[in-house]
Amino acid sequence: MDASELIIINSIKNQPIGETKNLIWFICEIGIFAIFKSDINIPEINILNEALSISLDLSKEEKEFYFIKGKKIILFYS
């Protein structure tokens, strides 16, 4: 397990900053991440549109995908 995964795991305990149709959004020390509500693959444009619906413009951020404790997670960071 790398440092990013540990930060995400610790941040899941915090209050989400928002929830959209397919994702639950959180803030952490290294960026913003979202937990997928289901195993369905969602096109990146839909993920970005969901972020915009809660006033998050993540279109220029780097992203990484993780699979932690059975959950698919996308991390956005600068």
PDB file of N, CA and C in Angstrom:
ATOM      1  N   MET A   1       0.849  -1.177   0.000  1.00  0.00           N
ATOM      2  CA  MET A   1       0.000   0.000   0.000  1.00  0.00           C
ATOM      3  C   MET A   1       0.894   1.240   0.000  1.00  0.00           C
ATOM      4  N   ASP A   2       0.607   2.165  -0.918  1.00  0.00           N
ATOM      5  CA  ASP A   2       1.445   3.366  -0.997  1.00  0.00           C
ATOM      6  C   ASP A   2       0.871   4.491  -0.131  1.00  0.00           C
ATOM      7  N   ALA A   3       1.612   5.585  -0.056  1.00  0.00           N
ATOM      8  CA  ALA A   3       1.223   6.707   0.806  1.00  0.00           C
ATOM      9  C   ALA A   3      -0.118   7.313   0.398  1.00  0.00           C
ATOM     10  N   SER A   4      -0.376   7.414  -0.897  1.00  0.00           N
ATOM     11  CA  SER A   4      -1.652   7.970  -1.364  1.00  0.00           C
ATOM     12  C   SER A   4      -2.824   7.134  -0.873  1.00  0.00           C
ATOM     13  N   GLU A   5      -2.682   5.828  -0.932  1.00  0.00           N
ATOM     14  CA  GLU A   5      -3.757   4.947  -0.461  1.00  0.00           C
ATOM     15  C   GLU A   5      -4.016   5.134   1.035  1.00  0.00           C
ATOM     16  N   LEU A   6      -2.967   5.280   1.814  1.00  0.00           N
ATOM     17  CA  LEU A   6      -3.136   5.495   3.255  1.00  0.00           C
ATOM     18  C   LEU A   6      -3.855   6.815   3.535  1.00  0.00           C
ATOM     19  N   ILE A   7      -3.495   7.856   2.794  1.00  0.00           N
ATOM     20  CA  ILE A   7      -4.158   9.154   2.968  1.00  0.00           C
ATOM     21  C   ILE A   7      -5.639   9.044   2.623  1.00  0.00           C
ATOM     22  N   ILE A   8      -5.950   8.354   1.523  1.00  0.00           N
ATOM     23  CA  ILE A   8      -7.352   8.166   1.125  1.00  0.00           C
ATOM     24  C   ILE A   8      -8.116   7.400   2.190  1.00  0.00           C
ATOM     25  N   ILE A   9      -7.558   6.308   2.669  1.00  0.00           N
ATOM     26  CA  ILE A   9      -8.226   5.492   3.700  1.00  0.00           C
ATOM     27  C   ILE A   9      -8.522   6.330   4.938  1.00  0.00           C
ATOM     28  N   ASN A  10      -7.572   7.129   5.371  1.00  0.00           N
ATOM     29  CA  ASN A  10      -7.780   7.974   6.552  1.00  0.00           C
ATOM     30  C   ASN A  10      -8.825   9.056   6.301  1.00  0.00           C
ATOM     31  N   SER A  11      -8.904   9.563   5.076  1.00  0.00           N
ATOM     32  CA  SER A  11      -9.839  10.639   4.753  1.00  0.00           C
ATOM     33  C   SER A  11     -11.273  10.154   4.544  1.00  0.00           C
ATOM     34  N   ILE A  12     -11.450   8.880   4.269  1.00  0.00           N
ATOM     35  CA  ILE A  12     -12.804   8.334   4.085  1.00  0.00           C
ATOM     36  C   ILE A  12     -13.624   8.496   5.362  1.00  0.00           C
ATOM     37  N   LYS A  13     -12.945   8.560   6.486  1.00  0.00           N
ATOM     38  CA  LYS A  13     -13.627   8.718   7.775  1.00  0.00           C
ATOM     39  C   LYS A  13     -14.246  10.108   7.934  1.00  0.00           C
ATOM     40  N   ASN A  14     -13.782  11.072   7.139  1.00  0.00           N
ATOM     41  CA  ASN A  14     -14.279  12.443   7.224  1.00  0.00           C
ATOM     42  C   ASN A  14     -15.620  12.593   6.518  1.00  0.00           C
ATOM     43  N   GLN A  15     -16.268  13.703   6.764  1.00  0.00           N
ATOM     44  CA  GLN A  15     -17.542  14.021   6.123  1.00  0.00           C
ATOM     45  C   GLN A  15     -17.324  14.253   4.629  1.00  0.00           C
ATOM     46  N   PRO A  16     -18.140  13.640   3.761  1.00  0.00           N
ATOM     47  CA  PRO A  16     -18.017  13.934   2.328  1.00  0.00           C
ATOM     48  C   PRO A  16     -18.314  15.409   2.039  1.00  0.00           C
ATOM     49  N   ILE A  17     -17.718  15.929   0.967  1.00  0.00           N
ATOM     50  CA  ILE A  17     -17.995  17.310   0.572  1.00  0.00           C
ATOM     51  C   ILE A  17     -19.165  17.384  -0.398  1.00  0.00           C
ATOM     52  N   GLY A  18     -19.624  16.231  -0.859  1.00  0.00           N
ATOM     53  CA  GLY A  18     -20.753  16.208  -1.770  1.00  0.00           C
ATOM     54  C   GLY A  18     -21.044  14.801  -2.246  1.00  0.00           C
ATOM     55  N   GLU A  19     -22.205  14.665  -2.846  1.00  0.00           N
ATOM     56  CA  GLU A  19     -22.611  13.379  -3.403  1.00  0.00           C
ATOM     57  C   GLU A  19     -23.342  13.652  -4.708  1.00  0.00           C
ATOM     58  N   THR A  20     -22.999  12.863  -5.724  1.00  0.00           N
ATOM     59  CA  THR A  20     -23.650  12.976  -7.013  1.00  0.00           C
ATOM     60  C   THR A  20     -24.253  11.626  -7.379  1.00  0.00           C
ATOM     61  N   LYS A  21     -24.794  11.533  -8.558  1.00  0.00           N
ATOM     62  CA  LYS A  21     -25.494  10.313  -8.981  1.00  0.00           C
ATOM     63  C   LYS A  21     -24.635   9.064  -8.801  1.00  0.00           C
ATOM     64  N   ASN A  22     -23.379   9.125  -9.201  1.00  0.00           N
ATOM     65  CA  ASN A  22     -22.522   7.939  -9.210  1.00  0.00           C
ATOM     66  C   ASN A  22     -21.349   7.966  -8.245  1.00  0.00           C
ATOM     67  N   LEU A  23     -21.129   9.099  -7.560  1.00  0.00           N
ATOM     68  CA  LEU A  23     -19.913   9.264  -6.778  1.00  0.00           C
ATOM     69  C   LEU A  23     -20.175   9.962  -5.448  1.00  0.00           C
ATOM     70  N   ILE A  24     -19.329   9.630  -4.461  1.00  0.00           N
ATOM     71  CA  ILE A  24     -19.313  10.335  -3.181  1.00  0.00           C
ATOM     72  C   ILE A  24     -17.949  11.026  -3.107  1.00  0.00           C
ATOM     73  N   TRP A  25     -17.948  12.338  -2.886  1.00  0.00           N
ATOM     74  CA  TRP A  25     -16.752  13.172  -2.994  1.00  0.00           C
ATOM     75  C   TRP A  25     -16.173  13.523  -1.626  1.00  0.00           C
ATOM     76  N   PHE A  26     -14.832  13.477  -1.552  1.00  0.00           N
ATOM     77  CA  PHE A  26     -14.110  13.784  -0.317  1.00  0.00           C
ATOM     78  C   PHE A  26     -12.914  14.682  -0.627  1.00  0.00           C
ATOM     79  N   ILE A  27     -12.445  15.366   0.400  1.00  0.00           N
ATOM     80  CA  ILE A  27     -11.204  16.145   0.328  1.00  0.00           C
ATOM     81  C   ILE A  27     -10.172  15.392   1.157  1.00  0.00           C
ATOM     82  N   CYS A  28      -8.918  15.430   0.690  1.00  0.00           N
ATOM     83  CA  CYS A  28      -7.827  14.851   1.467  1.00  0.00           C
ATOM     84  C   CYS A  28      -6.598  15.741   1.329  1.00  0.00           C
ATOM     85  N   GLU A  29      -5.529  15.374   1.984  1.00  0.00           N
ATOM     86  CA  GLU A  29      -4.310  16.191   2.024  1.00  0.00           C
ATOM     87  C   GLU A  29      -3.679  16.389   0.646  1.00  0.00           C
ATOM     88  N   ILE A  30      -3.937  15.473  -0.273  1.00  0.00           N
ATOM     89  CA  ILE A  30      -3.274  15.548  -1.580  1.00  0.00           C
ATOM     90  C   ILE A  30      -4.219  15.906  -2.723  1.00  0.00           C
ATOM     91  N   GLY A  31      -5.489  16.113  -2.424  1.00  0.00           N
ATOM     92  CA  GLY A  31      -6.420  16.489  -3.484  1.00  0.00           C
ATOM     93  C   GLY A  31      -7.866  16.170  -3.139  1.00  0.00           C
ATOM     94  N   ILE A  32      -8.615  15.861  -4.172  1.00  0.00           N
ATOM     95  CA  ILE A  32     -10.030  15.508  -4.040  1.00  0.00           C
ATOM     96  C   ILE A  32     -10.199  14.115  -4.617  1.00  0.00           C
ATOM     97  N   PHE A  33     -10.948  13.281  -3.916  1.00  0.00           N
ATOM     98  CA  PHE A  33     -11.195  11.952  -4.453  1.00  0.00           C
ATOM     99  C   PHE A  33     -12.675  11.624  -4.363  1.00  0.00           C
ATOM    100  N   ALA A  34     -13.064  10.662  -5.186  1.00  0.00           N
ATOM    101  CA  ALA A  34     -14.454  10.234  -5.220  1.00  0.00           C
ATOM    102  C   ALA A  34     -14.512   8.717  -5.182  1.00  0.00           C
ATOM    103  N   ILE A  35     -15.458   8.225  -4.421  1.00  0.00           N
ATOM    104  CA  ILE A  35     -15.709   6.788  -4.345  1.00  0.00           C
ATOM    105  C   ILE A  35     -16.884   6.477  -5.267  1.00  0.00           C
ATOM    106  N   PHE A  36     -16.708   5.515  -6.138  1.00  0.00           N
ATOM    107  CA  PHE A  36     -17.779   5.094  -7.029  1.00  0.00           C
ATOM    108  C   PHE A  36     -18.843   4.346  -6.217  1.00  0.00           C
ATOM    109  N   LYS A  37     -20.105   4.648  -6.472  1.00  0.00           N
ATOM    110  CA  LYS A  37     -21.192   3.998  -5.745  1.00  0.00           C
ATOM    111  C   LYS A  37     -21.465   2.585  -6.247  1.00  0.00           C
ATOM    112  N   SER A  38     -21.048   2.290  -7.485  1.00  0.00           N
ATOM    113  CA  SER A  38     -21.245   0.948  -8.043  1.00  0.00           C
ATOM    114  C   SER A  38     -20.022   0.575  -8.870  1.00  0.00           C
ATOM    115  N   ASP A  39     -20.022  -0.637  -9.382  1.00  0.00           N
ATOM    116  CA  ASP A  39     -18.897  -1.125 -10.179  1.00  0.00           C
ATOM    117  C   ASP A  39     -19.003  -0.730 -11.654  1.00  0.00           C
ATOM    118  N   ILE A  40     -20.025   0.014 -12.007  1.00  0.00           N
ATOM    119  CA  ILE A  40     -20.235   0.397 -13.399  1.00  0.00           C
ATOM    120  C   ILE A  40     -19.144   1.380 -13.824  1.00  0.00           C
ATOM    121  N   ASN A  41     -18.568   1.151 -15.008  1.00  0.00           N
ATOM    122  CA  ASN A  41     -17.590   2.097 -15.545  1.00  0.00           C
ATOM    123  C   ASN A  41     -18.313   3.334 -16.056  1.00  0.00           C
ATOM    124  N   ILE A  42     -17.807   4.476 -15.693  1.00  0.00           N
ATOM    125  CA  ILE A  42     -18.410   5.759 -16.053  1.00  0.00           C
ATOM    126  C   ILE A  42     -17.415   6.499 -16.939  1.00  0.00           C
ATOM    127  N   PRO A  43     -17.850   7.011 -18.090  1.00  0.00           N
ATOM    128  CA  PRO A  43     -16.925   7.787 -18.923  1.00  0.00           C
ATOM    129  C   PRO A  43     -16.376   8.991 -18.163  1.00  0.00           C
ATOM    130  N   GLU A  44     -15.128   9.332 -18.452  1.00  0.00           N
ATOM    131  CA  GLU A  44     -14.471  10.429 -17.743  1.00  0.00           C
ATOM    132  C   GLU A  44     -15.269  11.729 -17.842  1.00  0.00           C
ATOM    133  N   ILE A  45     -15.852  11.996 -18.994  1.00  0.00           N
ATOM    134  CA  ILE A  45     -16.625  13.234 -19.150  1.00  0.00           C
ATOM    135  C   ILE A  45     -17.796  13.271 -18.166  1.00  0.00           C
ATOM    136  N   ASN A  46     -18.403  12.125 -17.894  1.00  0.00           N
ATOM    137  CA  ASN A  46     -19.504  12.080 -16.926  1.00  0.00           C
ATOM    138  C   ASN A  46     -19.001  12.337 -15.509  1.00  0.00           C
ATOM    139  N   ILE A  47     -17.823  11.832 -15.202  1.00  0.00           N
ATOM    140  CA  ILE A  47     -17.244  12.078 -13.878  1.00  0.00           C
ATOM    141  C   ILE A  47     -17.000  13.587 -13.701  1.00  0.00           C
ATOM    142  N   LEU A  48     -16.414  14.204 -14.721  1.00  0.00           N
ATOM    143  CA  LEU A  48     -16.137  15.641 -14.651  1.00  0.00           C
ATOM    144  C   LEU A  48     -17.427  16.451 -14.576  1.00  0.00           C
ATOM    145  N   ASN A  49     -18.459  16.029 -15.295  1.00  0.00           N
ATOM    146  CA  ASN A  49     -19.749  16.723 -15.231  1.00  0.00           C
ATOM    147  C   ASN A  49     -20.386  16.588 -13.859  1.00  0.00           C
ATOM    148  N   GLU A  50     -20.260  15.424 -13.237  1.00  0.00           N
ATOM    149  CA  GLU A  50     -20.786  15.254 -11.883  1.00  0.00           C
ATOM    150  C   GLU A  50     -20.027  16.166 -10.917  1.00  0.00           C
ATOM    151  N   ALA A  51     -18.720  16.276 -11.093  1.00  0.00           N
ATOM    152  CA  ALA A  51     -17.929  17.181 -10.245  1.00  0.00           C
ATOM    153  C   ALA A  51     -18.416  18.614 -10.407  1.00  0.00           C
ATOM    154  N   LEU A  52     -18.669  19.021 -11.642  1.00  0.00           N
ATOM    155  CA  LEU A  52     -19.161  20.386 -11.887  1.00  0.00           C
ATOM    156  C   LEU A  52     -20.503  20.630 -11.221  1.00  0.00           C
ATOM    157  N   SER A  53     -21.314  19.585 -11.106  1.00  0.00           N
ATOM    158  CA  SER A  53     -22.637  19.754 -10.498  1.00  0.00           C
ATOM    159  C   SER A  53     -22.556  20.117  -9.017  1.00  0.00           C
ATOM    160  N   ILE A  54     -21.394  19.866  -8.395  1.00  0.00           N
ATOM    161  CA  ILE A  54     -21.194  20.288  -6.996  1.00  0.00           C
ATOM    162  C   ILE A  54     -20.068  21.336  -6.907  1.00  0.00           C
ATOM    163  N   SER A  55     -19.907  22.077  -8.005  1.00  0.00           N
ATOM    164  CA  SER A  55     -18.975  23.217  -8.086  1.00  0.00           C
ATOM    165  C   SER A  55     -17.501  22.837  -7.984  1.00  0.00           C
ATOM    166  N   LEU A  56     -17.139  21.687  -8.521  1.00  0.00           N
ATOM    167  CA  LEU A  56     -15.740  21.275  -8.577  1.00  0.00           C
ATOM    168  C   LEU A  56     -15.307  21.212 -10.039  1.00  0.00           C
ATOM    169  N   ASP A  57     -14.383  22.061 -10.442  1.00  0.00           N
ATOM    170  CA  ASP A  57     -13.837  21.993 -11.794  1.00  0.00           C
ATOM    171  C   ASP A  57     -12.514  21.237 -11.723  1.00  0.00           C
ATOM    172  N   LEU A  58     -12.552  19.978 -12.104  1.00  0.00           N
ATOM    173  CA  LEU A  58     -11.377  19.121 -12.011  1.00  0.00           C
ATOM    174  C   LEU A  58     -10.791  18.797 -13.383  1.00  0.00           C
ATOM    175  N   SER A  59     -11.206  19.535 -14.387  1.00  0.00           N
ATOM    176  CA  SER A  59     -10.834  19.233 -15.769  1.00  0.00           C
ATOM    177  C   SER A  59      -9.324  19.341 -16.030  1.00  0.00           C
ATOM    178  N   LYS A  60      -8.602  20.136 -15.263  1.00  0.00           N
ATOM    179  CA  LYS A  60      -7.165  20.306 -15.491  1.00  0.00           C
ATOM    180  C   LYS A  60      -6.306  19.553 -14.480  1.00  0.00           C
ATOM    181  N   GLU A  61      -6.932  18.787 -13.621  1.00  0.00           N
ATOM    182  CA  GLU A  61      -6.205  18.057 -12.587  1.00  0.00           C
ATOM    183  C   GLU A  61      -5.693  16.714 -13.118  1.00  0.00           C
ATOM    184  N   GLU A  62      -4.608  16.258 -12.544  1.00  0.00           N
ATOM    185  CA  GLU A  62      -4.122  14.898 -12.802  1.00  0.00           C
ATOM    186  C   GLU A  62      -5.074  13.936 -12.098  1.00  0.00           C
ATOM    187  N   LYS A  63      -5.113  12.693 -12.549  1.00  0.00           N
ATOM    188  CA  LYS A  63      -5.992  11.726 -11.890  1.00  0.00           C
ATOM    189  C   LYS A  63      -5.336  10.354 -11.811  1.00  0.00           C
ATOM    190  N   GLU A  64      -5.717   9.640 -10.796  1.00  0.00           N
ATOM    191  CA  GLU A  64      -5.264   8.260 -10.597  1.00  0.00           C
ATOM    192  C   GLU A  64      -6.448   7.454 -10.096  1.00  0.00           C
ATOM    193  N   PHE A  65      -6.504   6.190 -10.516  1.00  0.00           N
ATOM    194  CA  PHE A  65      -7.549   5.293 -10.053  1.00  0.00           C
ATOM    195  C   PHE A  65      -6.966   4.305  -9.047  1.00  0.00           C
ATOM    196  N   TYR A  66      -7.758   3.993  -8.038  1.00  0.00           N
ATOM    197  CA  TYR A  66      -7.370   3.040  -7.014  1.00  0.00           C
ATOM    198  C   TYR A  66      -8.515   2.065  -6.784  1.00  0.00           C
ATOM    199  N   PHE A  67      -8.181   0.914  -6.257  1.00  0.00           N
ATOM    200  CA  PHE A  67      -9.167  -0.053  -5.799  1.00  0.00           C
ATOM    201  C   PHE A  67      -8.781  -0.364  -4.363  1.00  0.00           C
ATOM    202  N   ILE A  68      -9.537   0.203  -3.414  1.00  0.00           N
ATOM    203  CA  ILE A  68      -9.202   0.092  -1.997  1.00  0.00           C
ATOM    204  C   ILE A  68     -10.390  -0.489  -1.250  1.00  0.00           C
ATOM    205  N   LYS A  69     -10.137  -1.567  -0.520  1.00  0.00           N
ATOM    206  CA  LYS A  69     -11.167  -2.214   0.300  1.00  0.00           C
ATOM    207  C   LYS A  69     -12.450  -2.466  -0.495  1.00  0.00           C
ATOM    208  N   GLY A  70     -12.272  -2.944  -1.713  1.00  0.00           N
ATOM    209  CA  GLY A  70     -13.413  -3.306  -2.541  1.00  0.00           C
ATOM    210  C   GLY A  70     -14.116  -2.143  -3.223  1.00  0.00           C
ATOM    211  N   LYS A  71     -13.584  -0.942  -3.090  1.00  0.00           N
ATOM    212  CA  LYS A  71     -14.202   0.248  -3.679  1.00  0.00           C
ATOM    213  C   LYS A  71     -13.297   0.836  -4.755  1.00  0.00           C
ATOM    214  N   LYS A  72     -13.908   1.233  -5.883  1.00  0.00           N
ATOM    215  CA  LYS A  72     -13.182   1.929  -6.932  1.00  0.00           C
ATOM    216  C   LYS A  72     -13.157   3.413  -6.581  1.00  0.00           C
ATOM    217  N   ILE A  73     -11.956   4.013  -6.655  1.00  0.00           N
ATOM    218  CA  ILE A  73     -11.759   5.403  -6.240  1.00  0.00           C
ATOM    219  C   ILE A  73     -10.960   6.133  -7.317  1.00  0.00           C
ATOM    220  N   ILE A  74     -11.350   7.383  -7.555  1.00  0.00           N
ATOM    221  CA  ILE A  74     -10.571   8.246  -8.443  1.00  0.00           C
ATOM    222  C   ILE A  74     -10.070   9.435  -7.627  1.00  0.00           C
ATOM    223  N   LEU A  75      -8.768   9.674  -7.747  1.00  0.00           N
ATOM    224  CA  LEU A  75      -8.108  10.777  -7.029  1.00  0.00           C
ATOM    225  C   LEU A  75      -7.719  11.846  -8.037  1.00  0.00           C
ATOM    226  N   PHE A  76      -8.084  13.089  -7.758  1.00  0.00           N
ATOM    227  CA  PHE A  76      -7.692  14.246  -8.571  1.00  0.00           C
ATOM    228  C   PHE A  76      -6.704  15.069  -7.759  1.00  0.00           C
ATOM    229  N   TYR A  77      -5.599  15.476  -8.394  1.00  0.00           N
ATOM    230  CA  TYR A  77      -4.591  16.261  -7.694  1.00  0.00           C
ATOM    231  C   TYR A  77      -3.838  17.145  -8.704  1.00  0.00           C
ATOM    232  N   SER A  78      -3.142  18.147  -8.194  1.00  0.00           N
ATOM    233  CA  SER A  78      -2.351  19.061  -9.049  1.00  0.00           C
ATOM    234  C   SER A  78      -0.898  18.647  -9.062  1.00  0.00           C
TER     235      SER A  78
END
